[in-house]
Amino acid sequence: MKYNILFLSSFLLFSGLSVVNAQTENTTEITFDLRTVEEKYPEVFTNTKPQNPDTAYAIGKKTNGFLQDFVGESGKTQFYLVYAQHLQKLNKTEQSTIYRPKIIQLLQSINRVNQLLDTKVAYYDQMQSLLVAYAEHALFDAQSIDPSKYEKIDVNKQKKLFIKSIEQKVKTKNQLLNLNSSPNFNKNQEIISQEITTIENLITDTFLLKLAQVFHYTYY
């Protein structure tokens, strides 16, 4: 099975959102059967109040046999992908269906911006897979909140501050790492600008703003 995220570009296009998808296709094969690992590690794959992916992975590492199944960094990637499948089974509301493509695209764009400001390619390539689990966990948490509450608060002021902080990070990183001497500098800056526009367009309420802020400041 392939967890293919590229479909989001066409989904968002037909949804009427003005976004640009500069992401690469994630075609990581999931080599684990969901039901099998759910039965083998019930303390990790819980149906009631599931932990966020990082906590679930930490619990798994302390569980007998877990690290023999999910070996190394590739095993970690496998875990996050299969954990995303587990969480998706719990996210069956209409609200989840609406938010899912927005959230995944939002996290992808944040990851892409930061990737183009660094040289640690492996970290960001792996995060491209891991972020699907973060998205599904956010959707699970959102099910307990009335979506109308998000819409009652004007998000524009805080969103502008968040976008400005990302733009400032881009300028700072460019200066510190002397990125303007890179042969791909102009092209990368164009992609970064497109992705920042995507982030800005996708953040339409306080839920999405908070999610973007937590993800960005936690992992980058």
N, C-alpha and C. Protein backbone atom coordinates (compact mmCIF):
# COMPACT_ATOMS: atom_id res chain seq x y z
N MET A 1 0.84 -1.20 0.00
CA MET A 1 0.00 0.00 0.00
C MET A 1 0.87 1.24 0.00
N LYS A 2 0.48 2.29 -0.75
CA LYS A 2 1.23 3.53 -0.77
C LYS A 2 0.42 4.63 -0.12
N TYR A 3 1.07 5.39 0.75
CA TYR A 3 0.42 6.53 1.36
C TYR A 3 0.79 7.72 0.50
N ASN A 4 -0.01 8.03 -0.48
CA ASN A 4 0.32 9.03 -1.48
C ASN A 4 -0.35 10.35 -1.13
N ILE A 5 0.44 11.37 -0.88
CA ILE A 5 -0.08 12.66 -0.46
C ILE A 5 -0.29 13.61 -1.64
N LEU A 6 0.25 13.28 -2.78
CA LEU A 6 0.22 14.20 -3.90
C LEU A 6 -1.20 14.49 -4.38
N PHE A 7 -2.15 13.60 -4.08
CA PHE A 7 -3.52 13.80 -4.52
C PHE A 7 -4.10 15.09 -3.99
N LEU A 8 -3.52 15.64 -2.95
CA LEU A 8 -4.07 16.83 -2.33
C LEU A 8 -4.03 18.04 -3.24
N SER A 9 -3.06 18.11 -4.12
CA SER A 9 -2.97 19.26 -5.00
C SER A 9 -4.21 19.39 -5.86
N SER A 10 -4.66 18.28 -6.45
CA SER A 10 -5.85 18.32 -7.29
C SER A 10 -7.10 18.51 -6.45
N PHE A 11 -7.12 17.92 -5.25
CA PHE A 11 -8.28 18.07 -4.37
C PHE A 11 -8.47 19.53 -4.02
N LEU A 12 -7.38 20.20 -3.63
CA LEU A 12 -7.45 21.59 -3.23
C LEU A 12 -7.80 22.48 -4.41
N LEU A 13 -7.33 22.13 -5.59
CA LEU A 13 -7.64 22.91 -6.78
C LEU A 13 -9.14 22.91 -7.03
N PHE A 14 -9.74 21.72 -6.95
CA PHE A 14 -11.17 21.62 -7.22
C PHE A 14 -12.01 22.14 -6.05
N SER A 15 -11.35 22.32 -4.89
CA SER A 15 -12.06 22.89 -3.75
C SER A 15 -12.10 24.41 -3.83
N GLY A 16 -11.42 24.99 -4.82
CA GLY A 16 -11.47 26.43 -5.00
C GLY A 16 -10.44 27.18 -4.19
N LEU A 17 -9.48 26.48 -3.57
CA LEU A 17 -8.47 27.16 -2.78
C LEU A 17 -7.31 27.57 -3.67
N SER A 18 -6.86 28.80 -3.48
CA SER A 18 -5.73 29.28 -4.26
C SER A 18 -4.44 28.90 -3.57
N VAL A 19 -3.95 27.72 -3.85
CA VAL A 19 -2.74 27.23 -3.21
C VAL A 19 -1.80 26.67 -4.26
N VAL A 20 -0.53 26.60 -3.90
CA VAL A 20 0.47 26.02 -4.78
C VAL A 20 1.11 24.85 -4.06
N ASN A 21 1.12 23.70 -4.71
CA ASN A 21 1.73 22.53 -4.11
C ASN A 21 3.08 22.28 -4.77
N ALA A 22 4.16 22.59 -4.01
CA ALA A 22 5.52 22.37 -4.52
C ALA A 22 6.15 21.15 -3.88
N GLN A 23 5.28 20.29 -3.33
CA GLN A 23 5.78 19.13 -2.62
C GLN A 23 6.16 18.01 -3.59
N THR A 24 7.02 17.14 -3.12
CA THR A 24 7.33 15.94 -3.87
C THR A 24 6.38 14.83 -3.44
N GLU A 25 6.22 13.84 -4.26
CA GLU A 25 5.29 12.75 -3.97
C GLU A 25 5.86 11.83 -2.92
N ASN A 26 5.05 11.52 -1.92
CA ASN A 26 5.44 10.60 -0.87
C ASN A 26 4.85 9.24 -1.19
N THR A 27 5.70 8.31 -1.59
CA THR A 27 5.20 6.99 -1.96
C THR A 27 5.81 5.91 -1.07
N THR A 28 5.99 6.23 0.19
CA THR A 28 6.53 5.26 1.13
C THR A 28 5.57 4.08 1.27
N GLU A 29 6.08 2.89 1.07
CA GLU A 29 5.26 1.69 1.20
C GLU A 29 5.02 1.36 2.67
N ILE A 30 3.78 1.10 3.02
CA ILE A 30 3.45 0.64 4.37
C ILE A 30 3.53 -0.88 4.37
N THR A 31 4.44 -1.41 5.14
CA THR A 31 4.70 -2.86 5.10
C THR A 31 4.02 -3.60 6.24
N PHE A 32 3.26 -2.89 7.07
CA PHE A 32 2.61 -3.53 8.21
C PHE A 32 1.10 -3.58 8.01
N ASP A 33 0.49 -4.66 8.46
CA ASP A 33 -0.96 -4.79 8.45
C ASP A 33 -1.51 -4.12 9.70
N LEU A 34 -2.43 -3.19 9.53
CA LEU A 34 -2.93 -2.39 10.64
C LEU A 34 -3.55 -3.25 11.73
N ARG A 35 -4.41 -4.17 11.38
CA ARG A 35 -5.09 -4.99 12.39
C ARG A 35 -4.08 -5.82 13.19
N THR A 36 -3.06 -6.31 12.52
CA THR A 36 -2.05 -7.13 13.19
C THR A 36 -1.32 -6.34 14.26
N VAL A 37 -0.88 -5.12 13.93
CA VAL A 37 -0.13 -4.35 14.93
C VAL A 37 -1.05 -3.79 16.01
N GLU A 38 -2.31 -3.53 15.66
CA GLU A 38 -3.26 -3.09 16.68
C GLU A 38 -3.46 -4.18 17.73
N GLU A 39 -3.55 -5.42 17.29
CA GLU A 39 -3.75 -6.54 18.22
C GLU A 39 -2.47 -6.84 18.99
N LYS A 40 -1.32 -6.66 18.35
CA LYS A 40 -0.05 -6.97 19.00
C LYS A 40 0.34 -5.92 20.02
N TYR A 41 -0.01 -4.65 19.75
CA TYR A 41 0.39 -3.54 20.64
C TYR A 41 -0.83 -2.70 21.02
N PRO A 42 -1.77 -3.30 21.78
CA PRO A 42 -3.01 -2.57 22.13
C PRO A 42 -2.75 -1.35 23.00
N GLU A 43 -1.65 -1.36 23.77
CA GLU A 43 -1.35 -0.21 24.62
C GLU A 43 -0.87 0.99 23.82
N VAL A 44 -0.45 0.74 22.59
CA VAL A 44 0.01 1.81 21.71
C VAL A 44 -1.13 2.26 20.80
N PHE A 45 -1.83 1.30 20.20
CA PHE A 45 -2.91 1.60 19.26
C PHE A 45 -4.25 1.56 20.00
N THR A 46 -4.47 2.55 20.85
CA THR A 46 -5.70 2.60 21.63
C THR A 46 -6.79 3.33 20.85
N ASN A 47 -8.03 2.97 21.13
CA ASN A 47 -9.17 3.62 20.48
C ASN A 47 -9.76 4.74 21.31
N THR A 48 -9.50 4.73 22.61
CA THR A 48 -10.00 5.77 23.49
C THR A 48 -8.85 6.69 23.89
N LYS A 49 -9.02 7.96 23.63
CA LYS A 49 -8.00 8.97 23.92
C LYS A 49 -6.62 8.57 23.41
N PRO A 50 -6.48 8.33 22.12
CA PRO A 50 -5.17 7.95 21.59
C PRO A 50 -4.14 9.06 21.80
N GLN A 51 -2.92 8.65 22.09
CA GLN A 51 -1.84 9.60 22.33
C GLN A 51 -1.40 10.26 21.02
N ASN A 52 -0.72 11.39 21.15
CA ASN A 52 -0.14 11.97 19.95
C ASN A 52 0.94 11.02 19.43
N PRO A 53 1.30 11.09 18.16
CA PRO A 53 2.21 10.10 17.58
C PRO A 53 3.55 9.98 18.29
N ASP A 54 4.11 11.09 18.75
CA ASP A 54 5.41 11.05 19.43
C ASP A 54 5.33 10.28 20.73
N THR A 55 4.25 10.53 21.49
CA THR A 55 4.06 9.82 22.76
C THR A 55 3.78 8.35 22.51
N ALA A 56 2.96 8.06 21.50
CA ALA A 56 2.65 6.67 21.17
C ALA A 56 3.92 5.92 20.78
N TYR A 57 4.78 6.57 20.02
CA TYR A 57 6.04 5.93 19.60
C TYR A 57 6.94 5.70 20.80
N ALA A 58 6.97 6.65 21.73
CA ALA A 58 7.78 6.51 22.94
C ALA A 58 7.27 5.35 23.80
N ILE A 59 5.94 5.20 23.89
CA ILE A 59 5.36 4.07 24.62
C ILE A 59 5.74 2.76 23.93
N GLY A 60 5.65 2.77 22.61
CA GLY A 60 5.98 1.58 21.85
C GLY A 60 7.42 1.13 22.07
N LYS A 61 8.35 2.06 22.14
CA LYS A 61 9.77 1.73 22.32
C LYS A 61 10.02 1.00 23.63
N LYS A 62 9.13 1.18 24.59
CA LYS A 62 9.27 0.52 25.89
C LYS A 62 8.50 -0.81 25.93
N THR A 63 7.86 -1.14 24.81
CA THR A 63 7.03 -2.33 24.75
C THR A 63 7.81 -3.49 24.12
N ASN A 64 7.70 -4.65 24.71
CA ASN A 64 8.43 -5.83 24.24
C ASN A 64 8.13 -6.15 22.78
N GLY A 65 9.16 -6.24 21.97
CA GLY A 65 9.03 -6.62 20.58
C GLY A 65 8.85 -5.47 19.61
N PHE A 66 8.52 -4.29 20.12
CA PHE A 66 8.21 -3.16 19.26
C PHE A 66 9.40 -2.74 18.39
N LEU A 67 10.56 -2.57 19.00
CA LEU A 67 11.73 -2.13 18.25
C LEU A 67 12.29 -3.21 17.34
N GLN A 68 11.87 -4.44 17.56
CA GLN A 68 12.25 -5.50 16.64
C GLN A 68 11.37 -5.47 15.38
N ASP A 69 10.17 -4.94 15.54
CA ASP A 69 9.27 -4.79 14.39
C ASP A 69 9.55 -3.48 13.65
N PHE A 70 9.65 -2.40 14.42
CA PHE A 70 9.86 -1.08 13.82
C PHE A 70 11.33 -0.69 14.03
N VAL A 71 12.19 -1.16 13.12
CA VAL A 71 13.63 -1.04 13.28
C VAL A 71 14.17 0.26 12.69
N GLY A 72 14.92 1.01 13.50
CA GLY A 72 15.62 2.19 13.02
C GLY A 72 14.70 3.30 12.54
N GLU A 73 15.28 4.22 11.75
CA GLU A 73 14.51 5.36 11.26
C GLU A 73 13.44 4.95 10.25
N SER A 74 13.75 3.94 9.44
CA SER A 74 12.74 3.46 8.49
C SER A 74 11.57 2.82 9.25
N GLY A 75 11.89 2.15 10.36
CA GLY A 75 10.84 1.56 11.18
C GLY A 75 9.99 2.63 11.84
N LYS A 76 10.64 3.73 12.25
CA LYS A 76 9.91 4.85 12.83
C LYS A 76 8.93 5.43 11.81
N THR A 77 9.39 5.59 10.59
CA THR A 77 8.51 6.09 9.52
C THR A 77 7.33 5.16 9.32
N GLN A 78 7.60 3.86 9.30
CA GLN A 78 6.54 2.87 9.15
C GLN A 78 5.51 2.99 10.28
N PHE A 79 6.01 3.17 11.50
CA PHE A 79 5.10 3.28 12.64
C PHE A 79 4.17 4.48 12.47
N TYR A 80 4.72 5.64 12.13
CA TYR A 80 3.90 6.85 12.01
C TYR A 80 2.86 6.72 10.92
N LEU A 81 3.21 6.05 9.85
CA LEU A 81 2.25 5.87 8.76
C LEU A 81 1.12 4.92 9.14
N VAL A 82 1.47 3.83 9.79
CA VAL A 82 0.43 2.88 10.19
C VAL A 82 -0.38 3.46 11.35
N TYR A 83 0.26 4.28 12.20
CA TYR A 83 -0.48 4.95 13.28
C TYR A 83 -1.46 5.96 12.70
N ALA A 84 -1.08 6.60 11.61
CA ALA A 84 -2.00 7.52 10.93
C ALA A 84 -3.23 6.76 10.42
N GLN A 85 -3.01 5.56 9.90
CA GLN A 85 -4.14 4.74 9.46
C GLN A 85 -5.06 4.41 10.63
N HIS A 86 -4.45 4.10 11.77
CA HIS A 86 -5.22 3.78 12.97
C HIS A 86 -6.08 4.96 13.38
N LEU A 87 -5.48 6.15 13.40
CA LEU A 87 -6.22 7.34 13.80
C LEU A 87 -7.30 7.70 12.79
N GLN A 88 -7.01 7.46 11.52
CA GLN A 88 -7.99 7.79 10.49
C GLN A 88 -9.27 6.97 10.65
N LYS A 89 -9.16 5.76 11.16
CA LYS A 89 -10.35 4.95 11.42
C LYS A 89 -11.26 5.61 12.46
N LEU A 90 -10.65 6.40 13.35
CA LEU A 90 -11.40 7.05 14.42
C LEU A 90 -11.94 8.41 14.00
N ASN A 91 -11.47 8.91 12.86
CA ASN A 91 -11.86 10.24 12.40
C ASN A 91 -12.84 10.13 11.24
N LYS A 92 -14.07 9.81 11.56
CA LYS A 92 -15.06 9.56 10.53
C LYS A 92 -16.09 10.69 10.41
N THR A 93 -15.89 11.78 11.12
CA THR A 93 -16.87 12.86 11.08
C THR A 93 -16.74 13.67 9.79
N GLU A 94 -17.80 14.39 9.47
CA GLU A 94 -17.77 15.27 8.30
C GLU A 94 -16.71 16.34 8.48
N GLN A 95 -16.56 16.80 9.71
CA GLN A 95 -15.56 17.81 10.02
C GLN A 95 -14.15 17.31 9.67
N SER A 96 -13.87 16.05 9.98
CA SER A 96 -12.57 15.46 9.67
C SER A 96 -12.34 15.41 8.16
N THR A 97 -13.38 15.05 7.43
CA THR A 97 -13.27 14.97 5.98
C THR A 97 -12.96 16.33 5.37
N ILE A 98 -13.56 17.36 5.92
CA ILE A 98 -13.33 18.72 5.41
C ILE A 98 -11.93 19.22 5.75
N TYR A 99 -11.52 18.96 6.97
CA TYR A 99 -10.25 19.52 7.45
C TYR A 99 -9.03 18.74 6.96
N ARG A 100 -9.17 17.43 6.73
CA ARG A 100 -8.00 16.58 6.45
C ARG A 100 -7.09 17.12 5.33
N PRO A 101 -7.60 17.39 4.14
CA PRO A 101 -6.70 17.87 3.08
C PRO A 101 -6.06 19.20 3.40
N LYS A 102 -6.79 20.07 4.10
CA LYS A 102 -6.23 21.37 4.47
C LYS A 102 -5.06 21.20 5.44
N ILE A 103 -5.27 20.33 6.43
CA ILE A 103 -4.25 20.16 7.46
C ILE A 103 -2.99 19.53 6.87
N ILE A 104 -3.15 18.48 6.08
CA ILE A 104 -1.96 17.82 5.52
C ILE A 104 -1.20 18.78 4.61
N GLN A 105 -1.92 19.52 3.79
CA GLN A 105 -1.26 20.49 2.91
C GLN A 105 -0.57 21.58 3.71
N LEU A 106 -1.20 22.02 4.79
CA LEU A 106 -0.62 23.05 5.64
C LEU A 106 0.69 22.58 6.26
N LEU A 107 0.70 21.38 6.81
CA LEU A 107 1.91 20.84 7.42
C LEU A 107 2.98 20.57 6.38
N GLN A 108 2.57 20.11 5.20
CA GLN A 108 3.52 19.90 4.12
C GLN A 108 4.24 21.20 3.75
N SER A 109 3.48 22.27 3.64
CA SER A 109 4.06 23.55 3.24
C SER A 109 5.02 24.08 4.29
N ILE A 110 4.68 23.92 5.56
CA ILE A 110 5.58 24.34 6.63
C ILE A 110 6.87 23.53 6.57
N ASN A 111 6.74 22.23 6.34
CA ASN A 111 7.91 21.37 6.23
C ASN A 111 8.79 21.78 5.04
N ARG A 112 8.14 22.10 3.93
CA ARG A 112 8.87 22.46 2.72
C ARG A 112 9.65 23.76 2.90
N VAL A 113 9.04 24.75 3.52
CA VAL A 113 9.73 26.03 3.76
C VAL A 113 11.00 25.78 4.56
N ASN A 114 10.87 25.03 5.63
CA ASN A 114 12.02 24.78 6.49
C ASN A 114 13.07 23.90 5.81
N GLN A 115 12.63 22.99 4.96
CA GLN A 115 13.56 22.13 4.23
C GLN A 115 14.48 22.96 3.33
N LEU A 116 13.94 23.99 2.72
CA LEU A 116 14.72 24.80 1.80
C LEU A 116 15.64 25.79 2.52
N LEU A 117 15.57 25.79 3.85
CA LEU A 117 16.45 26.65 4.65
C LEU A 117 17.50 25.84 5.39
N ASP A 118 17.62 24.58 5.05
CA ASP A 118 18.52 23.70 5.80
C ASP A 118 19.17 22.70 4.85
N THR A 119 20.12 21.98 5.39
CA THR A 119 20.81 20.97 4.58
C THR A 119 20.54 19.55 5.08
N LYS A 120 19.72 19.43 6.13
CA LYS A 120 19.42 18.11 6.69
C LYS A 120 18.26 17.48 5.91
N VAL A 121 18.59 17.01 4.74
CA VAL A 121 17.56 16.51 3.82
C VAL A 121 16.78 15.34 4.42
N ALA A 122 17.47 14.43 5.09
CA ALA A 122 16.83 13.22 5.61
C ALA A 122 15.72 13.56 6.61
N TYR A 123 15.96 14.56 7.46
CA TYR A 123 14.96 14.93 8.48
C TYR A 123 13.65 15.35 7.82
N TYR A 124 13.73 16.19 6.81
CA TYR A 124 12.53 16.73 6.18
C TYR A 124 11.86 15.69 5.28
N ASP A 125 12.64 14.84 4.66
CA ASP A 125 12.06 13.76 3.87
C ASP A 125 11.26 12.82 4.77
N GLN A 126 11.80 12.52 5.94
CA GLN A 126 11.08 11.66 6.88
C GLN A 126 9.84 12.37 7.41
N MET A 127 9.97 13.66 7.69
CA MET A 127 8.84 14.42 8.22
C MET A 127 7.68 14.45 7.23
N GLN A 128 7.98 14.37 5.96
CA GLN A 128 6.94 14.33 4.93
C GLN A 128 5.99 13.16 5.18
N SER A 129 6.51 12.05 5.71
CA SER A 129 5.67 10.90 6.05
C SER A 129 5.07 11.03 7.44
N LEU A 130 5.89 11.48 8.41
CA LEU A 130 5.43 11.56 9.79
C LEU A 130 4.27 12.53 9.98
N LEU A 131 4.28 13.60 9.21
CA LEU A 131 3.28 14.65 9.44
C LEU A 131 1.85 14.18 9.19
N VAL A 132 1.67 13.09 8.45
CA VAL A 132 0.32 12.56 8.23
C VAL A 132 -0.28 12.11 9.57
N ALA A 133 0.56 11.52 10.42
CA ALA A 133 0.09 11.09 11.74
C ALA A 133 -0.25 12.28 12.62
N TYR A 134 0.56 13.34 12.54
CA TYR A 134 0.26 14.55 13.32
C TYR A 134 -1.07 15.15 12.87
N ALA A 135 -1.32 15.12 11.57
CA ALA A 135 -2.57 15.64 11.04
C ALA A 135 -3.77 14.86 11.56
N GLU A 136 -3.66 13.53 11.53
CA GLU A 136 -4.78 12.70 11.99
C GLU A 136 -5.03 12.86 13.49
N HIS A 137 -3.97 13.04 14.26
CA HIS A 137 -4.17 13.23 15.70
C HIS A 137 -4.84 14.58 15.97
N ALA A 138 -4.47 15.60 15.22
CA ALA A 138 -5.13 16.90 15.36
C ALA A 138 -6.60 16.79 15.02
N LEU A 139 -6.93 16.01 14.00
CA LEU A 139 -8.33 15.81 13.63
C LEU A 139 -9.10 15.12 14.74
N PHE A 140 -8.46 14.16 15.39
CA PHE A 140 -9.13 13.47 16.49
C PHE A 140 -9.44 14.44 17.62
N ASP A 141 -8.48 15.27 17.99
CA ASP A 141 -8.70 16.25 19.05
C ASP A 141 -9.78 17.25 18.68
N ALA A 142 -9.86 17.59 17.40
CA ALA A 142 -10.81 18.60 16.96
C ALA A 142 -12.26 18.13 17.03
N GLN A 143 -12.47 16.81 17.08
CA GLN A 143 -13.83 16.27 17.09
C GLN A 143 -14.61 16.67 18.33
N SER A 144 -13.89 17.00 19.41
CA SER A 144 -14.56 17.35 20.66
C SER A 144 -14.86 18.85 20.77
N ILE A 145 -14.54 19.60 19.71
CA ILE A 145 -14.73 21.05 19.74
C ILE A 145 -15.76 21.46 18.70
N ASP A 146 -16.65 22.35 19.08
CA ASP A 146 -17.66 22.86 18.15
C ASP A 146 -16.97 23.73 17.10
N PRO A 147 -17.02 23.33 15.81
CA PRO A 147 -16.31 24.08 14.77
C PRO A 147 -16.77 25.53 14.63
N SER A 148 -17.99 25.83 15.07
CA SER A 148 -18.48 27.21 14.96
C SER A 148 -17.68 28.16 15.85
N LYS A 149 -17.05 27.59 16.90
CA LYS A 149 -16.23 28.41 17.78
C LYS A 149 -14.99 28.94 17.07
N TYR A 150 -14.49 28.14 16.12
CA TYR A 150 -13.32 28.59 15.36
C TYR A 150 -13.65 29.83 14.54
N GLU A 151 -14.85 29.82 13.97
CA GLU A 151 -15.24 30.85 13.01
C GLU A 151 -15.61 32.17 13.67
N LYS A 152 -15.89 32.14 14.97
CA LYS A 152 -16.32 33.35 15.66
C LYS A 152 -15.16 34.29 15.97
N ILE A 153 -13.95 33.79 15.90
CA ILE A 153 -12.78 34.60 16.25
C ILE A 153 -12.05 35.02 14.99
N ASP A 154 -11.77 36.32 14.89
CA ASP A 154 -11.03 36.84 13.73
C ASP A 154 -9.57 36.41 13.86
N VAL A 155 -9.13 35.63 12.89
CA VAL A 155 -7.80 35.03 12.95
C VAL A 155 -6.74 35.87 12.23
N ASN A 156 -7.15 36.89 11.51
CA ASN A 156 -6.24 37.60 10.61
C ASN A 156 -5.05 38.26 11.30
N LYS A 157 -5.26 38.90 12.42
CA LYS A 157 -4.17 39.59 13.10
C LYS A 157 -3.09 38.61 13.54
N GLN A 158 -3.50 37.53 14.22
CA GLN A 158 -2.54 36.54 14.68
C GLN A 158 -1.90 35.78 13.50
N LYS A 159 -2.67 35.58 12.46
CA LYS A 159 -2.12 34.91 11.28
C LYS A 159 -1.02 35.75 10.64
N LYS A 160 -1.24 37.04 10.54
CA LYS A 160 -0.23 37.93 9.96
C LYS A 160 1.06 37.89 10.75
N LEU A 161 0.93 37.84 12.08
CA LEU A 161 2.12 37.77 12.93
C LEU A 161 2.86 36.46 12.72
N PHE A 162 2.11 35.37 12.57
CA PHE A 162 2.73 34.06 12.34
C PHE A 162 3.45 34.04 11.00
N ILE A 163 2.79 34.54 9.97
CA ILE A 163 3.41 34.58 8.63
C ILE A 163 4.66 35.47 8.67
N LYS A 164 4.57 36.57 9.37
CA LYS A 164 5.72 37.47 9.46
C LYS A 164 6.89 36.79 10.16
N SER A 165 6.60 35.96 11.16
CA SER A 165 7.67 35.25 11.87
C SER A 165 8.36 34.24 10.96
N ILE A 166 7.58 33.60 10.08
CA ILE A 166 8.16 32.66 9.12
C ILE A 166 9.05 33.42 8.13
N GLU A 167 8.55 34.55 7.64
CA GLU A 167 9.32 35.35 6.68
C GLU A 167 10.61 35.85 7.30
N GLN A 168 10.55 36.21 8.59
CA GLN A 168 11.75 36.66 9.28
C GLN A 168 12.75 35.53 9.43
N LYS A 169 12.25 34.33 9.69
CA LYS A 169 13.14 33.18 9.80
C LYS A 169 13.84 32.92 8.47
N VAL A 170 13.12 33.08 7.39
CA VAL A 170 13.71 32.89 6.06
C VAL A 170 14.86 33.88 5.86
N LYS A 171 14.63 35.14 6.18
CA LYS A 171 15.68 36.15 6.02
C LYS A 171 16.88 35.85 6.90
N THR A 172 16.61 35.47 8.16
CA THR A 172 17.69 35.18 9.10
C THR A 172 18.52 33.99 8.64
N LYS A 173 17.85 32.93 8.24
CA LYS A 173 18.55 31.73 7.77
C LYS A 173 19.38 32.02 6.52
N ASN A 174 18.82 32.81 5.62
CA ASN A 174 19.54 33.15 4.40
C ASN A 174 20.85 33.86 4.72
N GLN A 175 20.80 34.73 5.72
CA GLN A 175 21.99 35.49 6.11
C GLN A 175 22.99 34.61 6.86
N LEU A 176 22.50 33.85 7.83
CA LEU A 176 23.39 33.03 8.66
C LEU A 176 24.10 31.95 7.85
N LEU A 177 23.39 31.33 6.94
CA LEU A 177 23.95 30.23 6.17
C LEU A 177 24.47 30.67 4.80
N ASN A 178 24.39 31.98 4.56
CA ASN A 178 24.86 32.52 3.27
C ASN A 178 24.22 31.79 2.09
N LEU A 179 22.93 31.57 2.20
CA LEU A 179 22.23 30.79 1.19
C LEU A 179 22.13 31.51 -0.16
N ASN A 180 22.29 32.84 -0.13
CA ASN A 180 22.17 33.57 -1.40
C ASN A 180 23.31 33.27 -2.36
N SER A 181 24.32 32.54 -1.88
CA SER A 181 25.42 32.14 -2.77
C SER A 181 25.14 30.79 -3.43
N SER A 182 24.05 30.15 -3.03
CA SER A 182 23.69 28.86 -3.61
C SER A 182 23.19 29.04 -5.05
N PRO A 183 23.57 28.12 -5.95
CA PRO A 183 23.10 28.24 -7.34
C PRO A 183 21.58 28.12 -7.48
N ASN A 184 20.93 27.50 -6.49
CA ASN A 184 19.47 27.33 -6.54
C ASN A 184 18.73 28.37 -5.70
N PHE A 185 19.44 29.42 -5.28
CA PHE A 185 18.86 30.37 -4.33
C PHE A 185 17.57 31.00 -4.87
N ASN A 186 17.60 31.55 -6.07
CA ASN A 186 16.43 32.25 -6.60
C ASN A 186 15.23 31.31 -6.76
N LYS A 187 15.50 30.11 -7.26
CA LYS A 187 14.42 29.14 -7.42
C LYS A 187 13.85 28.73 -6.07
N ASN A 188 14.73 28.51 -5.10
CA ASN A 188 14.27 28.12 -3.77
C ASN A 188 13.45 29.23 -3.12
N GLN A 189 13.88 30.48 -3.30
CA GLN A 189 13.13 31.60 -2.74
C GLN A 189 11.74 31.71 -3.36
N GLU A 190 11.66 31.41 -4.63
CA GLU A 190 10.36 31.42 -5.31
C GLU A 190 9.44 30.35 -4.73
N ILE A 191 10.00 29.16 -4.51
CA ILE A 191 9.20 28.08 -3.93
C ILE A 191 8.78 28.43 -2.51
N ILE A 192 9.71 28.98 -1.73
CA ILE A 192 9.40 29.38 -0.36
C ILE A 192 8.26 30.40 -0.34
N SER A 193 8.33 31.37 -1.23
CA SER A 193 7.27 32.39 -1.31
C SER A 193 5.93 31.76 -1.64
N GLN A 194 5.92 30.80 -2.55
CA GLN A 194 4.70 30.10 -2.91
C GLN A 194 4.14 29.33 -1.72
N GLU A 195 5.02 28.67 -0.99
CA GLU A 195 4.58 27.86 0.14
C GLU A 195 4.06 28.74 1.27
N ILE A 196 4.67 29.89 1.50
CA ILE A 196 4.19 30.82 2.52
C ILE A 196 2.80 31.33 2.15
N THR A 197 2.60 31.60 0.87
CA THR A 197 1.27 32.00 0.40
C THR A 197 0.25 30.89 0.64
N THR A 198 0.67 29.65 0.40
CA THR A 198 -0.20 28.51 0.67
C THR A 198 -0.58 28.44 2.14
N ILE A 199 0.40 28.60 3.00
CA ILE A 199 0.15 28.57 4.45
C ILE A 199 -0.85 29.65 4.83
N GLU A 200 -0.62 30.84 4.31
CA GLU A 200 -1.51 31.97 4.63
C GLU A 200 -2.93 31.71 4.15
N ASN A 201 -3.08 31.17 2.95
CA ASN A 201 -4.42 30.90 2.41
C ASN A 201 -5.15 29.78 3.16
N LEU A 202 -4.40 28.81 3.64
CA LEU A 202 -5.03 27.66 4.30
C LEU A 202 -5.45 27.96 5.73
N ILE A 203 -4.80 28.90 6.39
CA ILE A 203 -5.17 29.23 7.77
C ILE A 203 -6.39 30.14 7.75
N THR A 204 -7.54 29.55 7.97
CA THR A 204 -8.79 30.28 7.89
C THR A 204 -9.53 30.38 9.22
N ASP A 205 -9.01 29.71 10.25
CA ASP A 205 -9.65 29.80 11.57
C ASP A 205 -8.62 29.55 12.65
N THR A 206 -9.02 29.67 13.90
CA THR A 206 -8.09 29.57 15.02
C THR A 206 -7.55 28.16 15.21
N PHE A 207 -8.34 27.16 14.85
CA PHE A 207 -7.87 25.77 14.96
C PHE A 207 -6.67 25.55 14.05
N LEU A 208 -6.79 25.96 12.80
CA LEU A 208 -5.70 25.77 11.84
C LEU A 208 -4.49 26.63 12.19
N LEU A 209 -4.73 27.82 12.72
CA LEU A 209 -3.62 28.68 13.14
C LEU A 209 -2.84 28.05 14.28
N LYS A 210 -3.55 27.59 15.31
CA LYS A 210 -2.87 26.97 16.45
C LYS A 210 -2.11 25.73 16.03
N LEU A 211 -2.72 24.92 15.17
CA LEU A 211 -2.07 23.71 14.68
C LEU A 211 -0.78 24.06 13.95
N ALA A 212 -0.84 25.05 13.07
CA ALA A 212 0.34 25.47 12.31
C ALA A 212 1.43 25.99 13.23
N GLN A 213 1.06 26.77 14.21
CA GLN A 213 2.04 27.34 15.14
C GLN A 213 2.72 26.23 15.95
N VAL A 214 1.93 25.33 16.49
CA VAL A 214 2.50 24.24 17.31
C VAL A 214 3.43 23.37 16.47
N PHE A 215 3.00 23.02 15.28
CA PHE A 215 3.83 22.17 14.41
C PHE A 215 5.13 22.88 14.04
N HIS A 216 5.03 24.12 13.64
CA HIS A 216 6.21 24.87 13.19
C HIS A 216 7.22 25.07 14.33
N TYR A 217 6.74 25.51 15.48
CA TYR A 217 7.66 25.83 16.57
C TYR A 217 8.16 24.59 17.31
N THR A 218 7.42 23.49 17.22
CA THR A 218 7.85 22.25 17.87
C THR A 218 8.92 21.52 17.07
N TYR A 219 8.75 21.44 15.77
CA TYR A 219 9.61 20.58 14.95
C TYR A 219 10.65 21.33 14.12
N TYR A 220 10.59 22.67 14.13
CA TYR A 220 11.55 23.40 13.32
C TYR A 220 12.19 24.55 14.11
